[in-house]
N, C-alpha and C. Protein backbone atom coordinates (compact mmCIF):
# COMPACT_ATOMS: atom_id res chain seq x y z
N MET A 1 -38.49 -1.06 10.40
CA MET A 1 -37.84 -2.38 10.39
C MET A 1 -38.43 -3.24 11.69
N GLY A 2 -39.28 -2.62 12.47
CA GLY A 2 -39.97 -3.23 13.56
C GLY A 2 -38.84 -3.60 14.84
N ARG A 3 -37.77 -2.52 14.94
CA ARG A 3 -37.13 -2.58 16.08
C ARG A 3 -37.13 -1.28 17.01
N HIS A 4 -36.55 -1.66 18.08
CA HIS A 4 -36.72 -0.45 19.01
C HIS A 4 -35.66 0.48 18.64
N SER A 5 -35.95 1.78 18.87
CA SER A 5 -35.01 2.86 18.26
C SER A 5 -33.82 2.94 19.15
N SER A 6 -33.64 2.34 20.09
CA SER A 6 -32.57 2.43 21.01
C SER A 6 -31.39 1.42 20.36
N LYS A 7 -31.73 0.38 19.71
CA LYS A 7 -30.65 -0.28 18.93
C LYS A 7 -30.30 0.42 17.87
N ASP A 8 -30.98 1.04 17.07
CA ASP A 8 -30.53 1.93 16.03
C ASP A 8 -29.71 3.16 16.43
N SER A 9 -29.98 3.56 17.59
CA SER A 9 -29.21 4.76 18.19
C SER A 9 -27.77 4.17 18.67
N ARG A 10 -27.61 3.11 19.22
CA ARG A 10 -26.54 2.50 19.51
C ARG A 10 -25.59 2.17 18.39
N ILE A 11 -26.02 1.81 17.24
CA ILE A 11 -25.34 1.53 15.87
C ILE A 11 -25.00 2.91 15.54
N GLU A 12 -25.76 3.79 15.43
CA GLU A 12 -25.50 5.14 14.84
C GLU A 12 -24.28 5.82 15.44
N HIS A 13 -24.28 5.59 16.95
CA HIS A 13 -23.29 6.41 17.64
C HIS A 13 -22.20 5.50 17.94
N GLY A 14 -21.94 4.34 17.36
CA GLY A 14 -20.86 3.54 17.40
C GLY A 14 -20.61 2.73 18.67
N ARG A 15 -21.75 2.59 19.38
CA ARG A 15 -21.74 1.68 20.63
C ARG A 15 -22.04 0.37 20.51
N ALA A 16 -22.47 0.01 19.21
CA ALA A 16 -22.81 -1.34 18.70
C ALA A 16 -22.59 -1.56 17.37
N SER A 17 -22.19 -2.84 17.03
CA SER A 17 -21.97 -3.19 15.52
C SER A 17 -23.29 -3.77 14.84
N PRO A 18 -23.67 -3.46 13.58
CA PRO A 18 -24.72 -4.02 12.89
C PRO A 18 -24.36 -5.48 12.66
N SER A 19 -25.30 -6.32 12.38
CA SER A 19 -25.13 -7.45 11.67
C SER A 19 -25.33 -7.46 10.44
N ILE A 20 -24.96 -8.52 9.51
CA ILE A 20 -25.25 -8.54 8.14
C ILE A 20 -26.60 -8.33 7.77
N ALA A 21 -27.51 -8.91 8.57
CA ALA A 21 -28.97 -8.97 8.44
C ALA A 21 -29.41 -7.36 8.50
N ASP A 22 -28.89 -6.91 9.62
CA ASP A 22 -29.17 -5.47 9.83
C ASP A 22 -28.92 -4.61 8.67
N ILE A 23 -27.60 -4.81 8.17
CA ILE A 23 -27.25 -3.94 6.88
C ILE A 23 -28.09 -4.07 5.76
N ARG A 24 -28.32 -5.27 5.52
CA ARG A 24 -29.24 -5.71 4.30
C ARG A 24 -30.62 -4.95 4.39
N ALA A 25 -31.32 -5.22 5.65
CA ALA A 25 -32.55 -4.47 5.90
C ALA A 25 -32.72 -3.16 6.03
N TRP A 26 -31.50 -2.59 6.44
CA TRP A 26 -31.49 -1.12 6.67
C TRP A 26 -31.29 -0.43 5.17
N CYS A 27 -30.45 -1.02 4.27
CA CYS A 27 -30.38 -0.50 2.98
C CYS A 27 -31.50 -0.72 2.15
N GLU A 28 -32.28 -1.80 2.48
CA GLU A 28 -33.53 -2.03 1.81
C GLU A 28 -34.56 -0.95 2.19
N HIS A 29 -34.64 -0.75 3.39
CA HIS A 29 -35.63 0.33 3.97
C HIS A 29 -35.32 1.59 3.44
N CYS A 30 -34.06 2.05 3.27
CA CYS A 30 -33.61 3.26 3.16
C CYS A 30 -33.38 3.46 1.36
N HIS A 31 -33.94 2.44 0.70
CA HIS A 31 -33.73 2.49 -0.77
C HIS A 31 -32.37 2.85 -1.33
N ALA A 32 -31.49 2.03 -0.66
CA ALA A 32 -29.87 2.14 -0.86
C ALA A 32 -29.43 0.74 -1.01
N VAL A 33 -30.04 0.00 -1.64
CA VAL A 33 -29.50 -1.44 -1.83
C VAL A 33 -28.17 -1.47 -2.55
N ASP A 34 -27.89 -0.37 -3.28
CA ASP A 34 -26.56 -0.49 -4.15
C ASP A 34 -25.50 -0.11 -3.08
N GLN A 35 -25.60 0.28 -1.91
CA GLN A 35 -24.59 0.65 -0.99
C GLN A 35 -24.35 -0.85 0.00
N THR A 36 -25.26 -1.81 -0.20
CA THR A 36 -25.02 -2.94 0.67
C THR A 36 -23.51 -3.56 0.71
N ALA A 37 -23.09 -3.99 -0.58
CA ALA A 37 -21.84 -4.56 -0.63
C ALA A 37 -20.77 -3.80 0.09
N ASP A 38 -20.65 -2.53 -0.10
CA ASP A 38 -19.71 -1.77 0.56
C ASP A 38 -19.80 -1.70 2.02
N LEU A 39 -20.92 -1.66 2.54
CA LEU A 39 -21.22 -1.71 4.00
C LEU A 39 -20.88 -2.95 4.58
N ILE A 40 -21.19 -4.16 3.93
CA ILE A 40 -20.95 -5.41 4.42
C ILE A 40 -19.44 -5.46 4.40
N ALA A 41 -18.66 -5.02 3.45
CA ALA A 41 -17.25 -5.04 3.45
C ALA A 41 -16.73 -4.35 4.54
N SER A 42 -17.32 -3.21 4.94
CA SER A 42 -16.79 -2.39 6.05
C SER A 42 -17.01 -3.37 7.28
N LEU A 43 -18.13 -3.86 7.50
CA LEU A 43 -18.17 -4.63 8.54
C LEU A 43 -17.17 -5.87 8.80
N HIS A 44 -16.79 -6.45 7.70
CA HIS A 44 -15.87 -7.51 7.87
C HIS A 44 -14.54 -6.89 7.95
N ALA A 45 -14.30 -5.69 7.59
CA ALA A 45 -13.02 -5.30 7.65
C ALA A 45 -12.55 -4.35 8.92
N VAL A 46 -13.64 -4.18 9.92
CA VAL A 46 -13.42 -3.54 11.06
C VAL A 46 -12.29 -4.02 11.89
N GLU A 47 -12.35 -5.34 12.04
CA GLU A 47 -11.45 -5.78 13.06
C GLU A 47 -10.03 -6.07 12.44
N SER A 48 -9.82 -6.14 11.20
CA SER A 48 -8.60 -6.53 10.48
C SER A 48 -8.01 -5.36 9.68
N ALA A 49 -8.78 -4.17 9.68
CA ALA A 49 -8.31 -3.24 8.90
C ALA A 49 -7.21 -2.45 9.33
N TYR A 50 -7.20 -2.07 10.75
CA TYR A 50 -5.81 -1.47 11.38
C TYR A 50 -5.40 -2.38 12.20
N VAL A 51 -3.89 -2.63 11.99
CA VAL A 51 -3.36 -3.60 12.75
C VAL A 51 -1.91 -2.98 13.02
N GLU A 52 -1.79 -2.70 14.41
CA GLU A 52 -0.44 -1.95 14.84
C GLU A 52 0.62 -3.09 14.47
N TRP A 53 1.74 -2.66 14.30
CA TRP A 53 2.95 -3.39 13.84
C TRP A 53 3.46 -4.24 15.00
N ARG A 54 3.34 -3.80 16.13
CA ARG A 54 3.83 -4.34 17.29
C ARG A 54 3.03 -5.73 17.53
N ARG A 55 1.80 -5.81 17.00
CA ARG A 55 1.14 -6.99 17.55
C ARG A 55 1.60 -8.24 16.68
N PRO A 56 1.59 -8.05 15.33
CA PRO A 56 1.95 -9.24 14.50
C PRO A 56 3.61 -9.41 14.64
N GLU A 57 4.31 -8.37 15.01
CA GLU A 57 5.91 -8.59 15.26
C GLU A 57 6.23 -9.27 16.43
N VAL A 58 5.19 -9.43 17.34
CA VAL A 58 5.69 -10.08 18.57
C VAL A 58 6.14 -11.65 18.24
N THR A 59 5.51 -12.24 17.18
CA THR A 59 5.91 -13.66 16.93
C THR A 59 6.95 -13.65 16.05
N GLY A 60 7.56 -12.52 15.69
CA GLY A 60 8.67 -12.62 14.71
C GLY A 60 8.43 -12.20 13.32
N LEU A 61 9.29 -11.63 12.58
CA LEU A 61 9.08 -11.13 11.25
C LEU A 61 8.98 -12.23 10.29
N ARG A 62 9.56 -13.53 10.53
CA ARG A 62 9.57 -14.59 9.67
C ARG A 62 8.03 -15.09 9.42
N ARG A 63 7.48 -15.14 10.49
CA ARG A 63 6.06 -15.76 10.76
C ARG A 63 5.27 -14.67 9.93
N LEU A 64 5.55 -13.33 10.14
CA LEU A 64 4.59 -12.31 9.70
C LEU A 64 4.70 -12.36 8.09
N GLN A 65 5.94 -12.62 7.61
CA GLN A 65 6.05 -12.59 5.97
C GLN A 65 5.56 -13.83 5.48
N THR A 66 5.68 -14.97 6.09
CA THR A 66 5.20 -16.41 5.58
C THR A 66 3.54 -16.35 5.52
N ALA A 67 2.93 -15.46 6.54
CA ALA A 67 1.53 -15.48 6.46
C ALA A 67 0.92 -14.72 5.29
N SER A 68 1.93 -13.88 4.60
CA SER A 68 1.23 -13.03 3.63
C SER A 68 1.50 -13.83 2.31
N VAL A 69 2.23 -14.87 2.32
CA VAL A 69 2.65 -15.63 1.13
C VAL A 69 1.45 -15.98 0.11
N PRO A 70 0.32 -16.66 0.81
CA PRO A 70 -0.93 -16.99 -0.07
C PRO A 70 -1.39 -15.78 -0.81
N LEU A 71 -1.43 -14.75 -0.23
CA LEU A 71 -1.92 -13.45 -0.72
C LEU A 71 -1.20 -13.08 -2.06
N TYR A 72 0.00 -13.19 -2.01
CA TYR A 72 0.80 -12.77 -3.14
C TYR A 72 0.73 -14.04 -4.25
N GLU A 73 0.68 -15.15 -3.86
CA GLU A 73 0.64 -16.31 -4.72
C GLU A 73 -0.68 -16.29 -5.69
N ARG A 74 -1.89 -15.84 -5.07
CA ARG A 74 -3.14 -15.74 -5.83
C ARG A 74 -3.30 -14.48 -6.69
N THR A 75 -2.46 -13.58 -6.30
CA THR A 75 -2.48 -12.12 -7.04
C THR A 75 -1.95 -12.30 -8.40
N ARG A 76 -2.76 -11.84 -9.38
CA ARG A 76 -2.05 -11.83 -10.83
C ARG A 76 -1.69 -10.50 -11.24
N HIS A 77 -2.31 -9.41 -10.66
CA HIS A 77 -1.97 -8.08 -11.00
C HIS A 77 -1.58 -7.22 -9.83
N PHE A 78 -0.24 -7.14 -9.55
CA PHE A 78 0.20 -6.62 -8.45
C PHE A 78 0.84 -5.15 -8.63
N ARG A 79 0.24 -3.99 -8.01
CA ARG A 79 0.71 -2.72 -8.15
C ARG A 79 1.05 -2.26 -6.97
N VAL A 80 2.28 -1.57 -6.84
CA VAL A 80 2.69 -1.07 -5.63
C VAL A 80 3.39 0.36 -5.94
N TYR A 81 3.30 1.47 -4.96
CA TYR A 81 3.68 2.52 -5.19
C TYR A 81 4.53 2.91 -3.79
N HIS A 82 5.74 3.62 -3.78
CA HIS A 82 6.27 3.93 -2.57
C HIS A 82 7.20 5.19 -3.08
N SER A 83 7.03 6.38 -2.22
CA SER A 83 7.56 7.50 -2.24
C SER A 83 8.92 7.43 -1.32
N LEU A 84 9.10 6.66 -0.29
CA LEU A 84 9.93 6.61 0.47
C LEU A 84 11.03 5.59 0.45
N VAL A 85 10.85 4.37 0.09
CA VAL A 85 11.83 3.31 -0.02
C VAL A 85 11.49 2.28 -1.20
N VAL A 86 12.49 1.57 -1.51
CA VAL A 86 12.45 0.72 -2.61
C VAL A 86 11.20 -0.31 -2.18
N PRO A 87 10.26 -0.64 -3.08
CA PRO A 87 9.46 -1.69 -2.54
C PRO A 87 10.10 -2.99 -2.15
N GLY A 88 9.41 -3.75 -1.28
CA GLY A 88 9.97 -4.98 -0.67
C GLY A 88 10.55 -6.10 -1.83
N LEU A 89 9.61 -6.35 -2.74
CA LEU A 89 9.98 -7.27 -3.85
C LEU A 89 11.30 -6.98 -4.66
N PHE A 90 11.65 -5.85 -4.67
CA PHE A 90 12.64 -5.37 -5.43
C PHE A 90 14.14 -5.09 -4.50
N GLN A 91 13.76 -5.35 -3.22
CA GLN A 91 15.07 -5.09 -2.32
C GLN A 91 16.08 -6.01 -2.46
N THR A 92 17.39 -5.62 -2.33
CA THR A 92 18.40 -6.56 -2.12
C THR A 92 18.42 -6.85 -0.44
N ALA A 93 19.19 -7.94 -0.31
CA ALA A 93 19.43 -8.39 1.06
C ALA A 93 20.04 -7.24 2.00
N GLY A 94 20.99 -6.67 1.34
CA GLY A 94 21.79 -5.64 2.15
C GLY A 94 20.60 -4.46 2.36
N TYR A 95 19.99 -4.03 1.37
CA TYR A 95 19.13 -2.88 1.55
C TYR A 95 18.05 -3.18 2.56
N ALA A 96 17.52 -4.43 2.61
CA ALA A 96 16.45 -4.79 3.32
C ALA A 96 16.93 -4.82 4.99
N ALA A 97 18.21 -5.26 5.02
CA ALA A 97 18.66 -5.44 6.45
C ALA A 97 19.14 -3.99 6.86
N ALA A 98 19.41 -3.16 6.09
CA ALA A 98 19.85 -1.74 6.54
C ALA A 98 18.47 -1.03 7.00
N LEU A 99 17.64 -1.35 6.12
CA LEU A 99 16.05 -0.71 6.24
C LEU A 99 15.52 -1.20 7.66
N LEU A 100 15.73 -2.59 7.90
CA LEU A 100 15.16 -3.09 9.25
C LEU A 100 15.90 -2.55 10.40
N ARG A 101 17.19 -2.24 10.26
CA ARG A 101 18.06 -1.71 11.45
C ARG A 101 17.65 -0.12 11.69
N ALA A 102 17.12 0.50 10.81
CA ALA A 102 16.94 1.86 10.90
C ALA A 102 15.98 2.40 9.88
N ILE A 103 14.43 2.28 10.16
CA ILE A 103 13.33 2.60 9.33
C ILE A 103 13.53 4.11 9.15
N THR A 104 13.54 4.60 8.04
CA THR A 104 13.53 5.91 7.55
C THR A 104 12.50 6.90 8.33
N ALA A 105 12.77 7.63 9.17
CA ALA A 105 11.75 8.51 9.94
C ALA A 105 11.42 9.70 9.32
N PHE A 106 12.22 10.22 8.57
CA PHE A 106 12.14 11.72 7.86
C PHE A 106 12.26 11.55 6.31
N ARG A 107 11.59 12.13 5.65
CA ARG A 107 11.63 12.13 4.20
C ARG A 107 12.39 13.45 3.60
N ASN A 108 13.26 13.06 2.60
CA ASN A 108 14.12 13.99 2.05
C ASN A 108 14.08 13.96 0.56
N ILE A 109 14.55 14.93 -0.24
CA ILE A 109 14.51 14.81 -1.65
C ILE A 109 15.19 13.48 -1.93
N ARG A 110 16.43 13.21 -1.46
CA ARG A 110 17.09 12.02 -1.96
C ARG A 110 17.87 11.56 -0.64
N TYR A 111 17.71 10.60 -0.14
CA TYR A 111 18.34 9.88 1.11
C TYR A 111 18.91 8.56 0.92
N GLN A 112 19.75 8.08 1.82
CA GLN A 112 20.57 6.90 1.59
C GLN A 112 20.18 5.94 2.56
N VAL A 113 19.74 4.82 2.31
CA VAL A 113 19.52 3.69 3.29
C VAL A 113 20.68 2.67 3.22
N GLY A 114 21.52 2.54 4.24
CA GLY A 114 22.75 1.83 4.36
C GLY A 114 23.85 2.63 3.80
N ARG A 115 25.08 2.06 3.72
CA ARG A 115 26.37 2.60 3.29
C ARG A 115 26.31 2.62 1.73
N ALA A 116 27.08 3.44 1.12
CA ALA A 116 27.22 3.58 -0.20
C ALA A 116 27.14 2.27 -1.09
N PRO A 117 27.95 1.17 -0.72
CA PRO A 117 27.95 -0.16 -1.45
C PRO A 117 26.41 -0.76 -1.49
N VAL A 118 25.75 -0.55 -0.14
CA VAL A 118 24.53 -1.24 -0.18
C VAL A 118 23.60 -0.58 -1.21
N MET A 119 23.59 0.80 -1.01
CA MET A 119 22.62 1.65 -1.92
C MET A 119 23.14 1.43 -3.21
N ALA A 120 24.20 1.45 -3.72
CA ALA A 120 24.63 1.17 -5.19
C ALA A 120 24.20 -0.17 -5.69
N GLU A 121 24.29 -1.15 -4.86
CA GLU A 121 23.77 -2.61 -5.09
C GLU A 121 22.21 -2.56 -5.36
N GLN A 122 21.62 -1.86 -4.58
CA GLN A 122 20.03 -1.72 -4.69
C GLN A 122 19.69 -1.09 -6.14
N LEU A 123 20.37 -0.01 -6.20
CA LEU A 123 20.10 0.76 -7.39
C LEU A 123 20.29 -0.11 -8.73
N HIS A 124 21.41 -0.80 -8.57
CA HIS A 124 21.63 -1.67 -9.76
C HIS A 124 20.71 -2.62 -9.94
N ARG A 125 20.21 -3.13 -8.74
CA ARG A 125 19.04 -4.28 -8.94
C ARG A 125 17.81 -3.77 -9.46
N LEU A 126 17.49 -2.33 -9.10
CA LEU A 126 16.58 -1.89 -9.84
C LEU A 126 16.37 -1.76 -11.38
N ILE A 127 17.56 -1.51 -11.95
CA ILE A 127 17.88 -1.60 -13.37
C ILE A 127 17.48 -3.04 -13.86
N ALA A 128 18.08 -4.00 -13.15
CA ALA A 128 18.11 -5.45 -13.55
C ALA A 128 16.62 -5.83 -13.46
N VAL A 129 15.77 -5.46 -12.52
CA VAL A 129 14.43 -6.01 -12.48
C VAL A 129 13.44 -5.32 -13.52
N SER A 130 13.90 -4.17 -13.91
CA SER A 130 13.14 -3.42 -14.81
C SER A 130 13.07 -4.05 -16.20
N SER A 131 13.97 -4.93 -16.39
CA SER A 131 14.03 -5.65 -17.76
C SER A 131 13.26 -6.82 -17.69
N LEU A 132 12.54 -7.25 -16.68
CA LEU A 132 11.73 -8.51 -16.61
C LEU A 132 10.61 -8.31 -17.23
N PRO A 133 10.03 -9.14 -18.02
CA PRO A 133 8.78 -9.05 -18.86
C PRO A 133 7.63 -8.83 -18.13
N THR A 134 7.56 -9.32 -16.91
CA THR A 134 6.31 -9.13 -15.89
C THR A 134 6.40 -7.79 -15.07
N VAL A 135 7.57 -7.12 -15.29
CA VAL A 135 7.72 -5.71 -14.40
C VAL A 135 7.53 -4.68 -15.24
N SER A 136 6.80 -3.65 -14.69
CA SER A 136 6.89 -2.33 -15.38
C SER A 136 7.34 -1.37 -14.21
N LEU A 137 8.54 -0.82 -14.29
CA LEU A 137 9.08 -0.19 -13.36
C LEU A 137 9.20 1.41 -13.67
N GLY A 138 8.45 2.29 -12.73
CA GLY A 138 8.51 3.55 -13.20
C GLY A 138 8.99 4.42 -12.15
N VAL A 139 9.74 5.56 -12.43
CA VAL A 139 10.40 6.51 -11.36
C VAL A 139 9.74 7.96 -11.76
N ILE A 140 9.10 8.45 -10.56
CA ILE A 140 8.69 9.84 -10.91
C ILE A 140 9.87 10.78 -10.47
N PRO A 141 10.17 11.68 -11.67
CA PRO A 141 11.28 12.57 -11.32
C PRO A 141 10.97 13.67 -10.28
N PHE A 142 12.09 14.18 -9.78
CA PHE A 142 12.04 15.13 -8.65
C PHE A 142 11.34 16.33 -9.48
N THR A 143 11.66 16.63 -10.68
CA THR A 143 11.45 18.06 -11.53
C THR A 143 9.90 17.93 -11.99
N THR A 144 9.07 16.80 -11.57
CA THR A 144 7.78 16.80 -12.08
C THR A 144 6.83 17.94 -11.54
N ILE A 145 6.22 18.72 -12.40
CA ILE A 145 5.51 19.89 -11.99
C ILE A 145 4.05 19.46 -12.31
N GLU A 146 3.09 20.25 -11.64
CA GLU A 146 1.65 20.39 -11.80
C GLU A 146 1.13 18.73 -11.59
N ARG A 147 1.51 18.28 -10.52
CA ARG A 147 1.17 16.82 -10.09
C ARG A 147 -0.30 16.77 -10.05
N PRO A 148 -0.84 15.80 -10.85
CA PRO A 148 -2.29 15.47 -10.49
C PRO A 148 -2.66 14.89 -9.05
N VAL A 149 -1.52 14.17 -8.56
CA VAL A 149 -1.61 13.47 -7.30
C VAL A 149 -0.56 14.00 -6.47
N TRP A 150 -0.54 14.29 -5.30
CA TRP A 150 0.53 14.56 -4.41
C TRP A 150 1.24 13.40 -3.89
N PRO A 151 2.55 13.31 -3.42
CA PRO A 151 3.23 12.23 -2.92
C PRO A 151 2.34 11.70 -1.79
N VAL A 152 1.86 10.29 -1.82
CA VAL A 152 1.11 9.94 -0.82
C VAL A 152 1.71 8.63 -0.01
N GLU A 153 1.04 7.97 0.98
CA GLU A 153 1.69 7.06 1.65
C GLU A 153 1.86 5.81 0.63
N GLY A 154 2.87 4.98 1.00
CA GLY A 154 3.21 3.76 0.12
C GLY A 154 2.01 2.85 0.24
N PHE A 155 1.56 2.11 -0.93
CA PHE A 155 0.51 1.29 -0.87
C PHE A 155 0.72 0.16 -1.93
N ALA A 156 0.17 -1.06 -1.68
CA ALA A 156 0.26 -2.17 -2.47
C ALA A 156 -1.17 -2.62 -2.86
N MET A 157 -1.37 -3.01 -4.19
CA MET A 157 -2.76 -3.39 -4.61
C MET A 157 -2.62 -4.80 -5.12
N PHE A 158 -3.56 -5.75 -4.59
CA PHE A 158 -3.71 -6.99 -4.86
C PHE A 158 -4.86 -7.17 -5.83
N ASP A 159 -4.63 -7.22 -7.23
CA ASP A 159 -5.58 -7.19 -8.07
C ASP A 159 -6.60 -6.13 -7.72
N THR A 160 -7.90 -6.44 -7.63
CA THR A 160 -8.99 -5.38 -7.30
C THR A 160 -9.68 -5.73 -5.93
N HIS A 161 -8.88 -6.52 -5.18
CA HIS A 161 -9.69 -7.21 -3.92
C HIS A 161 -9.08 -6.39 -2.63
N GLN A 162 -7.89 -6.05 -2.78
CA GLN A 162 -7.27 -5.50 -1.34
C GLN A 162 -6.17 -4.66 -1.60
N VAL A 163 -6.01 -3.67 -0.68
CA VAL A 163 -4.98 -2.54 -0.77
C VAL A 163 -4.38 -2.56 0.67
N ASN A 164 -3.04 -2.82 0.76
CA ASN A 164 -2.33 -2.70 2.04
C ASN A 164 -1.70 -1.47 1.94
N VAL A 165 -1.73 -0.64 3.30
CA VAL A 165 -1.29 0.63 3.30
C VAL A 165 -0.35 0.63 4.56
N GLU A 166 0.95 0.96 4.29
CA GLU A 166 1.97 0.78 5.40
C GLU A 166 2.05 2.22 6.07
N LEU A 167 1.57 2.35 7.36
CA LEU A 167 1.96 3.58 8.23
C LEU A 167 3.06 3.42 8.93
N LEU A 168 3.59 4.38 9.71
CA LEU A 168 4.77 4.13 10.58
C LEU A 168 4.51 3.31 11.65
N SER A 169 3.51 3.23 12.28
CA SER A 169 2.90 2.34 13.46
C SER A 169 2.11 0.99 13.20
N ALA A 170 1.46 1.12 11.82
CA ALA A 170 0.42 0.14 11.68
C ALA A 170 0.33 -0.10 10.17
N ARG A 171 -0.33 -1.39 9.89
CA ARG A 171 -0.76 -1.65 8.49
C ARG A 171 -2.35 -1.64 8.28
N VAL A 172 -2.59 -0.84 7.43
CA VAL A 172 -4.13 -0.62 7.19
C VAL A 172 -4.15 -1.63 5.89
N THR A 173 -5.47 -2.55 6.05
CA THR A 173 -5.74 -3.08 4.97
C THR A 173 -7.33 -2.70 4.45
N VAL A 174 -7.28 -2.18 3.16
CA VAL A 174 -8.56 -1.75 2.65
C VAL A 174 -9.14 -2.70 1.73
N THR A 175 -10.35 -2.95 1.92
CA THR A 175 -11.23 -4.04 1.27
C THR A 175 -12.47 -3.47 0.61
N GLN A 176 -12.98 -2.45 1.03
CA GLN A 176 -14.11 -1.77 0.46
C GLN A 176 -13.79 -1.44 -1.09
N PRO A 177 -14.92 -1.82 -1.74
CA PRO A 177 -14.68 -1.43 -3.29
C PRO A 177 -14.51 -0.06 -3.82
N ARG A 178 -15.26 0.79 -2.81
CA ARG A 178 -15.22 2.24 -3.24
C ARG A 178 -13.80 2.75 -3.07
N GLU A 179 -13.17 2.34 -1.69
CA GLU A 179 -11.76 2.83 -1.32
C GLU A 179 -10.70 2.23 -2.35
N ILE A 180 -10.92 1.04 -2.76
CA ILE A 180 -9.93 0.33 -3.56
C ILE A 180 -10.06 1.21 -4.93
N ALA A 181 -11.16 1.54 -5.41
CA ALA A 181 -11.38 2.46 -6.65
C ALA A 181 -10.43 3.62 -6.52
N VAL A 182 -10.54 4.28 -5.29
CA VAL A 182 -9.57 5.54 -5.08
C VAL A 182 -7.99 5.17 -5.19
N TYR A 183 -7.62 4.19 -4.67
CA TYR A 183 -6.21 3.78 -4.87
C TYR A 183 -5.92 3.52 -6.29
N ALA A 184 -6.95 2.84 -6.89
CA ALA A 184 -6.68 2.53 -8.42
C ALA A 184 -6.46 3.76 -9.12
N LYS A 185 -7.49 4.74 -8.80
CA LYS A 185 -7.22 6.13 -9.66
C LYS A 185 -6.04 6.82 -9.21
N ALA A 186 -5.43 6.76 -8.17
CA ALA A 186 -4.38 7.38 -7.63
C ALA A 186 -3.14 6.61 -8.15
N PHE A 187 -3.17 5.35 -8.25
CA PHE A 187 -2.08 4.51 -9.00
C PHE A 187 -1.84 5.01 -10.40
N SER A 188 -3.08 5.05 -10.92
CA SER A 188 -3.10 5.40 -12.55
C SER A 188 -2.47 6.75 -12.70
N ALA A 189 -2.84 7.89 -11.81
CA ALA A 189 -2.30 9.19 -12.10
C ALA A 189 -0.77 9.24 -11.58
N LEU A 190 -0.33 8.39 -10.55
CA LEU A 190 0.94 8.38 -10.32
C LEU A 190 1.94 7.62 -11.29
N ALA A 191 1.36 6.65 -11.81
CA ALA A 191 2.12 5.92 -13.07
C ALA A 191 2.21 6.90 -14.42
N GLY A 192 1.11 7.69 -14.41
CA GLY A 192 1.21 8.66 -15.48
C GLY A 192 2.34 9.70 -15.41
N MET A 193 2.74 10.12 -14.11
CA MET A 193 3.81 10.76 -14.04
C MET A 193 5.19 10.38 -14.06
N ALA A 194 5.17 8.97 -13.80
CA ALA A 194 6.37 8.29 -13.97
C ALA A 194 7.21 8.22 -15.45
N VAL A 195 8.53 8.03 -15.26
CA VAL A 195 9.02 7.83 -16.61
C VAL A 195 9.67 6.23 -16.50
N TYR A 196 9.83 5.72 -17.79
CA TYR A 196 10.13 4.14 -17.76
C TYR A 196 11.37 4.02 -18.78
N GLY A 197 11.89 2.92 -18.90
CA GLY A 197 12.91 2.39 -19.79
C GLY A 197 14.12 3.22 -19.49
N PRO A 198 14.82 3.65 -20.60
CA PRO A 198 15.96 4.40 -20.56
C PRO A 198 15.85 5.70 -19.56
N ALA A 199 14.89 6.33 -19.61
CA ALA A 199 14.57 7.42 -18.72
C ALA A 199 14.74 7.22 -17.39
N ALA A 200 14.13 6.13 -16.92
CA ALA A 200 14.20 5.70 -15.58
C ALA A 200 15.53 5.23 -15.15
N HIS A 201 16.17 4.63 -16.17
CA HIS A 201 17.60 4.06 -16.03
C HIS A 201 18.51 5.23 -15.75
N GLN A 202 18.23 6.29 -16.43
CA GLN A 202 18.99 7.52 -16.28
C GLN A 202 18.83 8.22 -14.95
N LEU A 203 17.62 8.16 -14.45
CA LEU A 203 17.51 8.79 -13.06
C LEU A 203 18.11 7.82 -12.11
N ILE A 204 18.01 6.41 -12.05
CA ILE A 204 18.53 5.62 -11.21
C ILE A 204 20.13 5.75 -11.28
N THR A 205 20.72 5.71 -12.54
CA THR A 205 22.24 5.89 -12.63
C THR A 205 22.57 7.25 -12.02
N SER A 206 21.93 8.33 -12.30
CA SER A 206 22.27 9.56 -11.61
C SER A 206 22.40 9.35 -9.87
N ALA A 207 21.31 8.80 -9.53
CA ALA A 207 21.37 8.55 -8.06
C ALA A 207 22.60 7.70 -7.66
N SER A 208 22.83 6.83 -8.41
CA SER A 208 24.00 5.79 -8.01
C SER A 208 25.33 6.57 -8.22
N THR A 209 25.45 7.52 -9.25
CA THR A 209 26.76 8.32 -9.42
C THR A 209 26.84 9.40 -8.31
N ALA A 210 25.70 9.84 -7.62
CA ALA A 210 25.69 10.89 -6.64
C ALA A 210 26.21 10.19 -5.44
N LEU A 211 26.42 8.92 -5.26
CA LEU A 211 26.83 8.37 -4.04
C LEU A 211 28.32 8.44 -4.02
N ASP A 212 28.96 8.85 -4.94
CA ASP A 212 30.38 8.89 -4.99
C ASP A 212 30.80 10.40 -4.85
N ALA A 213 29.74 11.21 -4.91
CA ALA A 213 30.01 12.58 -4.77
C ALA A 213 30.52 13.10 -3.35
């Protein structure tokens, strides 16, 4: 490529970042042009991929949520998986408030967010939204065996362009096509383990009944 080896060394050891021109030239010389798009996506995602919650939360949750509205508005196929909490779009006000007061730190087979009336309202809300024509709500039973995918971190897919992963301390934004494909494969497998319609309603009703036990 006509460059000094020290520049390549700095890039290879993470002491410097390559430019888009560097990536294109490198892929061409290595006969790996098919990897150019992924590598450029990686470059664009470096600064925004991992964001600690404390950074955007400094300006308040209202601003944080408002900033994400355009992403939701332009998304036509929204997929979300959660093994710990009810996804945000389906949360009732009471459930969301209880969750914000005390984010669940430990996972159990079945746990309660907020007092019984709050949880009961939230479970009834799940049954209500599951009947919407644009919603497909699946619940993975506890009794599922021989899982093709283990319970993973919660994530949301915005069409095929972006995946948001929520960690305890940060949000990870995935934009690399090959990584998005991994999440799409996982979502398909997880969706295949879930039950829908009356079977899902039965599980939700069972959880609601257990609140009175």
